[in-house]
Protein backbone atom coordinates (compact mmCIF):
# COMPACT_ATOMS: atom_id res chain seq x y z
CA MET A 1 4.06 25.13 -11.74
CA ASN A 2 7.33 23.51 -10.78
CA ARG A 3 7.30 19.91 -9.48
CA SER A 4 9.46 20.89 -6.51
CA GLU A 5 6.70 23.25 -5.36
CA ASN A 6 4.28 20.32 -5.04
CA GLY A 7 6.69 17.91 -3.39
CA PRO A 8 8.02 14.64 -4.78
CA ALA A 9 5.85 12.45 -6.96
CA VAL A 10 4.79 9.18 -5.32
CA VAL A 11 5.31 6.32 -7.73
CA GLY A 12 2.71 3.58 -7.63
CA ALA A 13 0.57 5.27 -4.99
CA LYS A 14 -2.97 3.94 -4.76
CA LEU A 15 -5.96 5.39 -3.00
CA GLU A 16 -7.40 3.37 -0.16
CA PRO A 17 -11.11 2.69 0.21
CA VAL A 18 -12.90 5.17 2.46
CA PRO A 19 -15.12 3.81 5.26
CA VAL A 20 -18.79 4.77 4.84
CA PRO A 21 -19.76 7.17 7.66
CA GLY A 22 -22.35 5.67 9.98
CA CYS A 23 -21.56 2.05 9.09
CA ASP A 24 -20.29 0.11 12.11
CA VAL A 25 -18.37 -2.37 9.94
CA CYS A 26 -16.66 0.25 7.77
CA GLU A 27 -15.82 2.60 10.63
CA THR A 28 -14.42 -0.21 12.82
CA CYS A 29 -12.27 -1.45 9.95
CA GLY A 30 -11.07 2.11 9.36
CA TRP A 31 -9.99 2.49 12.99
CA GLU A 32 -8.33 -0.93 12.99
CA ARG A 33 -6.56 -0.10 9.73
CA GLU A 34 -5.04 3.06 11.22
CA ALA A 35 -3.90 1.16 14.32
CA ALA A 36 -2.34 -1.53 12.12
CA ARG A 37 -0.62 1.12 9.99
CA GLN A 38 0.87 2.80 13.06
CA ALA A 39 2.08 -0.58 14.32
CA GLY A 40 3.70 -1.36 10.96
CA ARG A 41 1.42 -4.31 10.14
CA SER A 42 1.12 -3.78 6.40
CA LEU A 43 -0.57 -7.12 5.67
CA GLU A 44 -3.33 -6.27 8.14
CA VAL A 45 -3.72 -2.84 6.50
CA ARG A 46 -4.15 -4.52 3.11
CA SER A 47 -6.62 -7.03 4.52
CA LEU A 48 -8.74 -4.31 6.12
CA ASN A 49 -8.66 -2.35 2.86
CA GLY A 50 -10.14 -5.43 1.20
CA VAL A 51 -12.92 -5.67 3.79
CA ILE A 52 -13.79 -1.97 3.40
CA ALA A 53 -13.68 -2.14 -0.39
CA GLY A 54 -15.80 -5.28 -0.50
CA HIS A 55 -18.41 -4.16 2.01
CA PRO A 56 -21.72 -3.85 0.15
CA HIS A 57 -22.29 -0.14 0.47
CA GLY A 58 -18.67 0.72 -0.27
CA ARG A 59 -19.60 0.47 -3.94
CA GLU A 60 -22.78 2.54 -3.53
CA ALA A 61 -20.92 5.38 -1.81
CA ARG A 62 -18.57 5.73 -4.80
CA ALA A 63 -21.37 5.79 -7.37
């Protein structure tokens, strides 16, 4: 398969933590993160990623 068929490679791309469905904390942070992203507030996006990643059942959901 040709690289041009898949689109350009993203260098240094990292996956963001996924909010746990049904968790008020995770879901609220997920919504706030998207609003911050749309507003161009990258530091807030990073901060909310940290909250989601560090929330106790964020680790359980990945296991």
